[in-house]
Amino acid sequence: MSRLLLAFQCFFLVLFSKRLPAAARALLPETTGAAPRPEPARPEPAKPARPEPARPAGDGKTEPRDDRRVSAAQQHRDGALALLALLQREGRLVDFLREPLDGFSDADIGAAARDVHRGCRKVLDQHLSLEPVMPGAEEAKVAVPTGFDPAEIRLIGEARGEPPFRGTLRHHGWRVVDARLPALADGVDRAVIAPAEVEL
């Protein structure tokens, strides 16, 4: 029982006063001297950072690009070429525009233009919904409001003073309300708007 009490006494004295009772010290083995305190570990000196070797020019690595911007520009290009391919397929628009017309009569040109008009209008009706930018009949008197968008209304002639302006409507303009172009498949060369035709 005395050892149990001594153990409790040692526990609380060490905990609160950081010393042992005399009865406990008498039980410790005799030492010739105080135990040497271990020296605190010395941190190793930091190694100087090695500078990274300079990469030679032309090592094949380039600065990162904005993939979203590149992707959007590519989609716009592909969409424009796809629409031109539709106009060529249905109305032979590119053939008509690339053909020199000097050697043809007005009747021949008119007959060819009728076919081109029919095919190209079919493409517009199927894939685009259009509306006039400024409603009204041509040659009608119109007012250009204050704060108008130059991308929507182009002024012809000399503008004097500040808007609103009064003028004559020469063309009502066009705005695309809805575009229903076909989905673009991957791996297709959009630069080929019409394949070569070979009859066997």
C-alpha atoms as a PDB file:
ATOM      1  CA  MET A   1       0.000   0.000   0.000  1.00  0.00           C
ATOM      2  CA  SER A   2       2.859   2.386   0.751  1.00  0.00           C
ATOM      3  CA  ARG A   3       4.189   1.974  -2.781  1.00  0.00           C
ATOM      4  CA  LEU A   4       0.761   2.861  -4.195  1.00  0.00           C
ATOM      5  CA  LEU A   5       0.632   6.023  -2.112  1.00  0.00           C
ATOM      6  CA  LEU A   6       4.194   6.868  -3.131  1.00  0.00           C
ATOM      7  CA  ALA A   7       3.243   6.417  -6.783  1.00  0.00           C
ATOM      8  CA  PHE A   8       0.338   8.876  -6.394  1.00  0.00           C
ATOM      9  CA  GLN A   9       2.599  11.317  -4.555  1.00  0.00           C
ATOM     10  CA  CYS A  10       5.201  11.088  -7.310  1.00  0.00           C
ATOM     11  CA  PHE A  11       2.558  11.664  -9.976  1.00  0.00           C
ATOM     12  CA  PHE A  12       1.160  14.880  -8.467  1.00  0.00           C
ATOM     13  CA  LEU A  13       4.506  16.318  -7.391  1.00  0.00           C
ATOM     14  CA  VAL A  14       5.981  15.777 -10.855  1.00  0.00           C
ATOM     15  CA  LEU A  15       2.850  17.186 -12.451  1.00  0.00           C
ATOM     16  CA  PHE A  16       2.622  20.374 -10.371  1.00  0.00           C
ATOM     17  CA  SER A  17       6.074  21.056  -8.902  1.00  0.00           C
ATOM     18  CA  LYS A  18       8.267  19.082 -11.321  1.00  0.00           C
ATOM     19  CA  ARG A  19      10.181  17.288  -8.500  1.00  0.00           C
ATOM     20  CA  LEU A  20      10.219  13.893  -6.806  1.00  0.00           C
ATOM     21  CA  PRO A  21       9.567  13.284  -3.089  1.00  0.00           C
ATOM     22  CA  ALA A  22      12.542  12.322  -0.916  1.00  0.00           C
ATOM     23  CA  ALA A  23      11.261   8.744  -0.491  1.00  0.00           C
ATOM     24  CA  ALA A  24      11.181   8.290  -4.248  1.00  0.00           C
ATOM     25  CA  ARG A  25      14.642   9.822  -4.756  1.00  0.00           C
ATOM     26  CA  ALA A  26      16.054   7.318  -2.208  1.00  0.00           C
ATOM     27  CA  LEU A  27      14.865   4.461  -4.427  1.00  0.00           C
ATOM     28  CA  LEU A  28      16.662   5.732  -7.529  1.00  0.00           C
ATOM     29  CA  PRO A  29      20.034   4.117  -8.427  1.00  0.00           C
ATOM     30  CA  GLU A  30      23.077   6.133  -7.511  1.00  0.00           C
ATOM     31  CA  THR A  31      24.793   8.047 -10.340  1.00  0.00           C
ATOM     32  CA  THR A  32      28.229   9.515 -10.464  1.00  0.00           C
ATOM     33  CA  GLY A  33      26.954  12.770 -11.858  1.00  0.00           C
ATOM     34  CA  ALA A  34      24.125  14.427 -13.588  1.00  0.00           C
ATOM     35  CA  ALA A  35      23.215  12.901 -16.862  1.00  0.00           C
ATOM     36  CA  PRO A  36      24.406  15.047 -19.699  1.00  0.00           C
ATOM     37  CA  ARG A  37      21.665  16.852 -21.470  1.00  0.00           C
ATOM     38  CA  PRO A  38      21.375  15.958 -25.089  1.00  0.00           C
ATOM     39  CA  GLU A  39      22.384  18.787 -27.351  1.00  0.00           C
ATOM     40  CA  PRO A  40      19.571  20.126 -29.418  1.00  0.00           C
ATOM     41  CA  ALA A  41      19.704  18.999 -32.986  1.00  0.00           C
ATOM     42  CA  ARG A  42      21.249  21.596 -35.196  1.00  0.00           C
ATOM     43  CA  PRO A  43      19.359  22.286 -38.399  1.00  0.00           C
ATOM     44  CA  GLU A  44      21.282  21.504 -41.513  1.00  0.00           C
ATOM     45  CA  PRO A  45      22.261  24.559 -43.488  1.00  0.00           C
ATOM     46  CA  ALA A  46      19.949  25.168 -46.365  1.00  0.00           C
ATOM     47  CA  LYS A  47      21.404  24.171 -49.689  1.00  0.00           C
ATOM     48  CA  PRO A  48      21.511  26.970 -52.213  1.00  0.00           C
ATOM     49  CA  ALA A  49      18.870  26.502 -54.886  1.00  0.00           C
ATOM     50  CA  ARG A  50      20.265  25.567 -58.215  1.00  0.00           C
ATOM     51  CA  PRO A  51      19.157  27.854 -60.989  1.00  0.00           C
ATOM     52  CA  GLU A  52      17.181  26.030 -63.656  1.00  0.00           C
ATOM     53  CA  PRO A  53      19.091  25.747 -66.870  1.00  0.00           C
ATOM     54  CA  ALA A  54      17.866  28.102 -69.535  1.00  0.00           C
ATOM     55  CA  ARG A  55      15.833  26.378 -72.185  1.00  0.00           C
ATOM     56  CA  PRO A  56      17.212  26.868 -75.626  1.00  0.00           C
ATOM     57  CA  ALA A  57      15.039  28.624 -78.133  1.00  0.00           C
ATOM     58  CA  GLY A  58      13.086  26.341 -80.375  1.00  0.00           C
ATOM     59  CA  ASP A  59      12.761  23.492 -77.874  1.00  0.00           C
ATOM     60  CA  GLY A  60       9.252  22.848 -79.103  1.00  0.00           C
ATOM     61  CA  LYS A  61       7.527  24.439 -76.096  1.00  0.00           C
ATOM     62  CA  THR A  62       5.311  27.448 -76.647  1.00  0.00           C
ATOM     63  CA  GLU A  63       3.333  29.722 -74.403  1.00  0.00           C
ATOM     64  CA  PRO A  64      -0.126  28.418 -73.454  1.00  0.00           C
ATOM     65  CA  ARG A  65      -2.873  29.739 -75.710  1.00  0.00           C
ATOM     66  CA  ASP A  66      -6.430  30.667 -74.917  1.00  0.00           C
ATOM     67  CA  ASP A  67      -8.161  27.560 -76.241  1.00  0.00           C
ATOM     68  CA  ARG A  68     -11.597  29.122 -75.866  1.00  0.00           C
ATOM     69  CA  ARG A  69     -10.695  32.036 -78.131  1.00  0.00           C
ATOM     70  CA  VAL A  70      -9.131  29.754 -80.719  1.00  0.00           C
ATOM     71  CA  SER A  71     -12.128  27.419 -80.579  1.00  0.00           C
ATOM     72  CA  ALA A  72     -14.651  30.266 -81.050  1.00  0.00           C
ATOM     73  CA  ALA A  73     -12.748  31.692 -84.028  1.00  0.00           C
ATOM     74  CA  GLN A  74     -12.521  28.234 -85.574  1.00  0.00           C
ATOM     75  CA  GLN A  75     -16.253  27.660 -85.093  1.00  0.00           C
ATOM     76  CA  HIS A  76     -17.092  30.984 -86.768  1.00  0.00           C
ATOM     77  CA  ARG A  77     -14.843  30.131 -89.708  1.00  0.00           C
ATOM     78  CA  ASP A  78     -16.283  26.641 -90.052  1.00  0.00           C
ATOM     79  CA  GLY A  79     -19.849  27.968 -89.849  1.00  0.00           C
ATOM     80  CA  ALA A  80     -19.238  30.548 -92.579  1.00  0.00           C
ATOM     81  CA  LEU A  81     -17.664  27.956 -94.854  1.00  0.00           C
ATOM     82  CA  ALA A  82     -20.505  25.505 -94.172  1.00  0.00           C
ATOM     83  CA  LEU A  83     -23.069  28.158 -95.172  1.00  0.00           C
ATOM     84  CA  LEU A  84     -21.116  28.937 -98.351  1.00  0.00           C
ATOM     85  CA  ALA A  85     -21.054  25.210 -99.134  1.00  0.00           C
ATOM     86  CA  LEU A  86     -24.861  25.089 -98.789  1.00  0.00           C
ATOM     87  CA  LEU A  87     -25.277  28.059-101.129  1.00  0.00           C
ATOM     88  CA  GLN A  88     -22.993  26.382-103.647  1.00  0.00           C
ATOM     89  CA  ARG A  89     -24.747  23.030-103.402  1.00  0.00           C
ATOM     90  CA  GLU A  90     -28.276  24.377-103.767  1.00  0.00           C
ATOM     91  CA  GLY A  91     -27.739  27.451-105.929  1.00  0.00           C
ATOM     92  CA  ARG A  92     -24.301  27.138-107.545  1.00  0.00           C
ATOM     93  CA  LEU A  93     -23.559  30.561-106.097  1.00  0.00           C
ATOM     94  CA  VAL A  94     -19.772  30.277-106.295  1.00  0.00           C
ATOM     95  CA  ASP A  95     -19.948  29.054-109.901  1.00  0.00           C
ATOM     96  CA  PHE A  96     -22.173  31.982-110.820  1.00  0.00           C
ATOM     97  CA  LEU A  97     -19.989  34.593-109.135  1.00  0.00           C
ATOM     98  CA  ARG A  98     -16.747  33.182-110.526  1.00  0.00           C
ATOM     99  CA  GLU A  99     -18.038  32.968-114.096  1.00  0.00           C
ATOM    100  CA  PRO A 100     -17.086  35.942-116.329  1.00  0.00           C
ATOM    101  CA  LEU A 101     -20.320  37.346-117.760  1.00  0.00           C
ATOM    102  CA  ASP A 102     -18.947  39.575-120.484  1.00  0.00           C
ATOM    103  CA  GLY A 103     -19.579  37.058-123.268  1.00  0.00           C
ATOM    104  CA  PHE A 104     -23.180  36.265-122.282  1.00  0.00           C
ATOM    105  CA  SER A 105     -26.362  38.055-123.279  1.00  0.00           C
ATOM    106  CA  ASP A 106     -28.673  39.603-120.748  1.00  0.00           C
ATOM    107  CA  ALA A 107     -31.215  36.858-121.432  1.00  0.00           C
ATOM    108  CA  ASP A 108     -28.636  34.136-120.653  1.00  0.00           C
ATOM    109  CA  ILE A 109     -27.542  35.908-117.485  1.00  0.00           C
ATOM    110  CA  GLY A 110     -31.153  36.370-116.426  1.00  0.00           C
ATOM    111  CA  ALA A 111     -31.924  32.670-116.924  1.00  0.00           C
ATOM    112  CA  ALA A 112     -28.851  31.625-114.910  1.00  0.00           C
ATOM    113  CA  ALA A 113     -29.593  34.160-112.188  1.00  0.00           C
ATOM    114  CA  ARG A 114     -33.108  32.739-111.819  1.00  0.00           C
ATOM    115  CA  ASP A 115     -31.712  29.286-110.973  1.00  0.00           C
ATOM    116  CA  VAL A 116     -29.142  30.751-108.576  1.00  0.00           C
ATOM    117  CA  HIS A 117     -31.833  32.835-106.903  1.00  0.00           C
ATOM    118  CA  ARG A 118     -34.117  29.829-106.450  1.00  0.00           C
ATOM    119  CA  GLY A 119     -31.439  27.628-104.882  1.00  0.00           C
ATOM    120  CA  CYS A 120     -29.934  30.292-102.613  1.00  0.00           C
ATOM    121  CA  ARG A 121     -33.349  31.413-101.375  1.00  0.00           C
ATOM    122  CA  LYS A 122     -34.086  27.790-100.478  1.00  0.00           C
ATOM    123  CA  VAL A 123     -30.988  27.751 -98.253  1.00  0.00           C
ATOM    124  CA  LEU A 124     -31.989  31.007 -96.538  1.00  0.00           C
ATOM    125  CA  ASP A 125     -35.552  29.844 -95.940  1.00  0.00           C
ATOM    126  CA  GLN A 126     -34.407  26.515 -94.495  1.00  0.00           C
ATOM    127  CA  HIS A 127     -31.572  27.704 -92.250  1.00  0.00           C
ATOM    128  CA  LEU A 128     -32.057  31.407 -91.423  1.00  0.00           C
ATOM    129  CA  SER A 129     -34.882  33.591 -90.135  1.00  0.00           C
ATOM    130  CA  LEU A 130     -34.469  37.236 -91.165  1.00  0.00           C
ATOM    131  CA  GLU A 131     -36.178  40.519 -90.348  1.00  0.00           C
ATOM    132  CA  PRO A 132     -35.556  44.133 -91.432  1.00  0.00           C
ATOM    133  CA  VAL A 133     -33.365  46.213 -89.131  1.00  0.00           C
ATOM    134  CA  MET A 134     -35.493  49.300 -89.780  1.00  0.00           C
ATOM    135  CA  PRO A 135     -39.049  48.500 -90.883  1.00  0.00           C
ATOM    136  CA  GLY A 136     -40.456  50.614 -93.652  1.00  0.00           C
ATOM    137  CA  ALA A 137     -40.552  50.890 -97.411  1.00  0.00           C
ATOM    138  CA  GLU A 138     -37.496  52.070 -99.304  1.00  0.00           C
ATOM    139  CA  GLU A 139     -37.504  55.782-100.202  1.00  0.00           C
ATOM    140  CA  ALA A 140     -39.693  56.461 -97.154  1.00  0.00           C
ATOM    141  CA  LYS A 141     -38.855  59.256 -94.730  1.00  0.00           C
ATOM    142  CA  VAL A 142     -37.478  57.889 -91.436  1.00  0.00           C
ATOM    143  CA  ALA A 143     -35.988  59.201 -88.195  1.00  0.00           C
ATOM    144  CA  VAL A 144     -32.649  58.003 -86.789  1.00  0.00           C
ATOM    145  CA  PRO A 145     -32.999  58.142 -82.992  1.00  0.00           C
ATOM    146  CA  THR A 146     -30.502  59.410 -80.474  1.00  0.00           C
ATOM    147  CA  GLY A 147     -28.058  56.739 -79.316  1.00  0.00           C
ATOM    148  CA  PHE A 148     -28.510  54.583 -82.430  1.00  0.00           C
ATOM    149  CA  ASP A 149     -26.149  51.656 -83.015  1.00  0.00           C
ATOM    150  CA  PRO A 150     -23.785  52.314 -85.982  1.00  0.00           C
ATOM    151  CA  ALA A 151     -23.706  48.560 -86.583  1.00  0.00           C
ATOM    152  CA  GLU A 152     -27.458  48.667 -87.250  1.00  0.00           C
ATOM    153  CA  ILE A 153     -27.860  51.987 -89.046  1.00  0.00           C
ATOM    154  CA  ARG A 154     -25.279  53.390 -91.461  1.00  0.00           C
ATOM    155  CA  LEU A 155     -25.611  57.051 -92.297  1.00  0.00           C
ATOM    156  CA  ILE A 156     -25.040  57.996 -95.945  1.00  0.00           C
ATOM    157  CA  GLY A 157     -24.049  61.554 -96.706  1.00  0.00           C
ATOM    158  CA  GLU A 158     -23.029  64.318 -94.330  1.00  0.00           C
ATOM    159  CA  ALA A 159     -24.495  64.283 -90.832  1.00  0.00           C
ATOM    160  CA  ARG A 160     -24.930  67.754 -89.360  1.00  0.00           C
ATOM    161  CA  GLY A 161     -25.600  68.419 -85.719  1.00  0.00           C
ATOM    162  CA  GLU A 162     -26.662  65.775 -83.220  1.00  0.00           C
ATOM    163  CA  PRO A 163     -29.247  62.995 -83.570  1.00  0.00           C
ATOM    164  CA  PRO A 164     -32.104  62.452 -84.011  1.00  0.00           C
ATOM    165  CA  PHE A 165     -31.648  62.748 -87.779  1.00  0.00           C
ATOM    166  CA  ARG A 166     -34.246  62.800 -90.533  1.00  0.00           C
ATOM    167  CA  GLY A 167     -33.501  61.079 -93.802  1.00  0.00           C
ATOM    168  CA  THR A 168     -34.608  58.772 -96.608  1.00  0.00           C
ATOM    169  CA  LEU A 169     -34.489  55.010 -96.141  1.00  0.00           C
ATOM    170  CA  ARG A 170     -32.352  53.573 -98.926  1.00  0.00           C
ATOM    171  CA  HIS A 171     -32.259  49.996 -97.572  1.00  0.00           C
ATOM    172  CA  HIS A 172     -33.986  48.571 -94.531  1.00  0.00           C
ATOM    173  CA  GLY A 173     -31.092  46.233 -93.659  1.00  0.00           C
ATOM    174  CA  TRP A 174     -31.312  42.639 -92.461  1.00  0.00           C
ATOM    175  CA  ARG A 175     -30.988  41.027 -89.044  1.00  0.00           C
ATOM    176  CA  VAL A 176     -30.726  37.272 -88.414  1.00  0.00           C
ATOM    177  CA  VAL A 177     -33.351  36.305 -85.846  1.00  0.00           C
ATOM    178  CA  ASP A 178     -32.594  32.583 -85.819  1.00  0.00           C
ATOM    179  CA  ALA A 179     -29.900  30.396 -87.417  1.00  0.00           C
ATOM    180  CA  ARG A 180     -30.499  26.680 -87.903  1.00  0.00           C
ATOM    181  CA  LEU A 181     -27.289  25.575 -89.553  1.00  0.00           C
ATOM    182  CA  PRO A 182     -26.542  21.850 -89.597  1.00  0.00           C
ATOM    183  CA  ALA A 183     -24.171  20.429 -86.979  1.00  0.00           C
ATOM    184  CA  LEU A 184     -20.554  20.403 -88.089  1.00  0.00           C
ATOM    185  CA  ALA A 185     -18.944  16.985 -88.036  1.00  0.00           C
ATOM    186  CA  ASP A 186     -15.380  16.611 -86.776  1.00  0.00           C
ATOM    187  CA  GLY A 187     -12.578  15.761 -89.142  1.00  0.00           C
ATOM    188  CA  VAL A 188     -14.159  17.398 -92.211  1.00  0.00           C
ATOM    189  CA  ASP A 189     -12.130  19.876 -94.265  1.00  0.00           C
ATOM    190  CA  ARG A 190     -14.395  22.927 -94.328  1.00  0.00           C
ATOM    191  CA  ALA A 191     -12.195  24.623 -96.905  1.00  0.00           C
ATOM    192  CA  VAL A 192     -13.635  22.237 -99.525  1.00  0.00           C
ATOM    193  CA  ILE A 193     -17.010  23.885-100.157  1.00  0.00           C
ATOM    194  CA  ALA A 194     -17.719  21.764-103.245  1.00  0.00           C
ATOM    195  CA  PRO A 195     -16.015  18.481-104.175  1.00  0.00           C
ATOM    196  CA  ALA A 196     -14.686  17.883-107.650  1.00  0.00           C
ATOM    197  CA  GLU A 197     -17.009  15.745-109.773  1.00  0.00           C
ATOM    198  CA  VAL A 198     -15.568  13.031-111.981  1.00  0.00           C
ATOM    199  CA  GLU A 199     -17.845  11.079-114.287  1.00  0.00           C
ATOM    200  CA  LEU A 200     -16.776   7.503-115.029  1.00  0.00           C
END
